[in-house]
C-alpha cells in the first residue's frame, strides 16, 4: 500500500507533455509533477488477469519495486497490456527492471 502522498489520481494525469515507454507487458507514462516526491498509479484490467487476487498480487509486486527506485518529481502511470495471468515471476521481474531503468533515466 502506498502512502497518501505517493498515490497518483489517474484522472489528474496530464493528457499532453508526457513521455511513454512500452515494454512487453506494460505501457508506462511519465510526466513531471513539480513536487518533491514521485506519485504512482497502476491500472490492471480484467484482460490482464481474470481474478482480482491475481490483479492485486501483480499490483503489489510492481508498486513495491517501482516505489523504491529513487526517482523524484515525477508522475508515473503504469498500464498492464495483454494477459499477465500466465506470466512467470521471472518474466514479470525482467519487465519491472526495464520500467525502473526508464523511470530513473
Protein backbone atom coordinates (compact mmCIF):
# COMPACT_ATOMS: atom_id res chain seq x y z
CA UNK A 1 0.00 0.00 0.00
CA UNK A 2 1.27 3.41 -0.92
CA UNK A 3 1.20 6.40 1.37
CA UNK A 4 -1.31 9.13 0.54
CA UNK A 5 1.39 11.43 -0.86
CA UNK A 6 2.66 8.75 -3.24
CA UNK A 7 -0.71 7.96 -4.83
CA UNK A 8 -1.50 9.45 -8.22
CA UNK A 9 -5.17 10.04 -9.03
CA UNK A 10 -5.42 8.61 -12.56
CA UNK A 11 -7.79 11.36 -13.72
CA UNK A 12 -5.22 14.03 -12.78
CA UNK A 13 -2.53 12.61 -15.07
CA UNK A 14 -1.84 15.15 -17.87
CA UNK A 15 -3.14 14.37 -21.36
CA UNK A 16 -0.16 16.04 -23.04
CA UNK A 17 3.50 16.57 -22.29
CA UNK A 18 4.44 13.13 -21.07
CA UNK A 19 6.92 10.52 -22.25
CA UNK A 20 5.95 6.91 -22.69
CA UNK A 21 7.64 3.54 -22.80
CA UNK A 22 6.16 0.23 -23.91
CA UNK A 23 7.61 -2.96 -22.51
CA UNK A 24 6.39 -6.47 -23.22
CA UNK A 25 3.61 -6.41 -20.62
CA UNK A 26 3.20 -2.75 -19.62
CA UNK A 27 2.75 0.75 -21.01
CA UNK A 28 4.43 3.38 -18.81
CA UNK A 29 3.68 7.11 -18.97
CA UNK A 30 5.81 9.64 -17.09
CA UNK A 31 5.21 13.36 -16.54
CA UNK A 32 6.92 15.96 -14.36
CA UNK A 33 4.88 16.96 -11.29
CA UNK A 34 6.90 19.80 -9.62
CA UNK A 35 6.69 18.03 -6.24
CA UNK A 36 9.43 16.59 -4.07
CA UNK A 37 8.09 13.04 -4.37
CA UNK A 38 7.13 10.63 -7.10
CA UNK A 39 3.46 9.70 -7.39
CA UNK A 40 2.50 6.27 -8.75
CA UNK A 41 -0.61 4.70 -10.26
CA UNK A 42 -1.11 1.30 -11.85
CA UNK A 43 -4.03 0.04 -13.92
CA UNK A 44 -4.54 -3.70 -14.32
CA UNK A 45 -7.79 -4.68 -16.04
CA UNK A 46 -9.60 -7.99 -16.27
CA UNK A 47 -7.98 -8.66 -19.63
CA UNK A 48 -4.60 -8.81 -17.91
CA UNK A 49 -5.72 -11.16 -15.10
CA UNK A 50 -9.19 -12.59 -14.58
CA UNK A 51 -9.11 -12.99 -10.81
CA UNK A 52 -8.96 -9.97 -8.51
CA UNK A 53 -6.45 -11.76 -6.31
CA UNK A 54 -4.07 -12.09 -9.27
CA UNK A 55 -4.52 -8.43 -10.20
CA UNK A 56 -3.81 -7.28 -6.64
CA UNK A 57 -0.76 -9.55 -6.34
CA UNK A 58 0.71 -8.17 -9.58
CA UNK A 59 -0.09 -4.61 -8.49
CA UNK A 60 1.62 -5.08 -5.12
CA UNK A 61 4.69 -6.61 -6.77
CA UNK A 62 5.06 -3.81 -9.31
CA UNK A 63 4.39 -0.97 -6.86
CA UNK A 64 6.77 -2.32 -4.21
CA UNK A 65 9.66 -2.44 -6.68
CA UNK A 66 8.92 0.81 -8.52
CA UNK A 67 8.32 2.86 -5.36
CA UNK A 68 11.88 2.11 -4.21
CA UNK A 69 13.57 3.20 -7.48
CA UNK A 70 14.54 6.64 -6.13
CA UNK A 71 13.08 8.90 -8.84
CA UNK A 72 11.91 12.33 -7.64
CA UNK A 73 9.39 14.82 -9.02
CA UNK A 74 7.58 12.54 -11.45
CA UNK A 75 4.08 11.18 -12.00
CA UNK A 76 4.24 7.57 -13.16
CA UNK A 77 1.24 5.78 -14.67
CA UNK A 78 1.68 2.06 -15.40
CA UNK A 79 -0.94 0.27 -17.53
CA UNK A 80 -0.97 -3.51 -17.97
CA UNK A 81 -1.13 -4.67 -21.59
CA UNK A 82 -2.21 -8.15 -22.59
CA UNK A 83 -2.54 -11.20 -20.41
CA UNK A 84 -0.42 -11.36 -17.26
CA UNK A 85 -2.07 -14.48 -15.82
CA UNK A 86 0.39 -16.89 -17.50
CA UNK A 87 3.50 -14.74 -17.00
CA UNK A 88 6.01 -16.17 -14.56
CA UNK A 89 7.72 -14.19 -11.84
CA UNK A 90 10.95 -14.11 -13.84
CA UNK A 91 9.30 -12.55 -16.91
CA UNK A 92 7.45 -10.02 -14.79
CA UNK A 93 10.61 -9.17 -12.85
CA UNK A 94 12.57 -8.53 -16.06
CA UNK A 95 9.83 -6.22 -17.30
CA UNK A 96 9.77 -4.31 -14.00
CA UNK A 97 13.55 -3.85 -14.24
CA UNK A 98 13.09 -2.26 -17.69
CA UNK A 99 10.42 0.05 -16.27
CA UNK A 100 12.68 1.13 -13.39
CA UNK A 101 15.51 1.86 -15.83
CA UNK A 102 13.17 4.06 -17.90
CA UNK A 103 11.86 5.92 -14.85
CA UNK A 104 15.31 6.70 -13.44
CA UNK A 105 16.80 7.83 -16.77
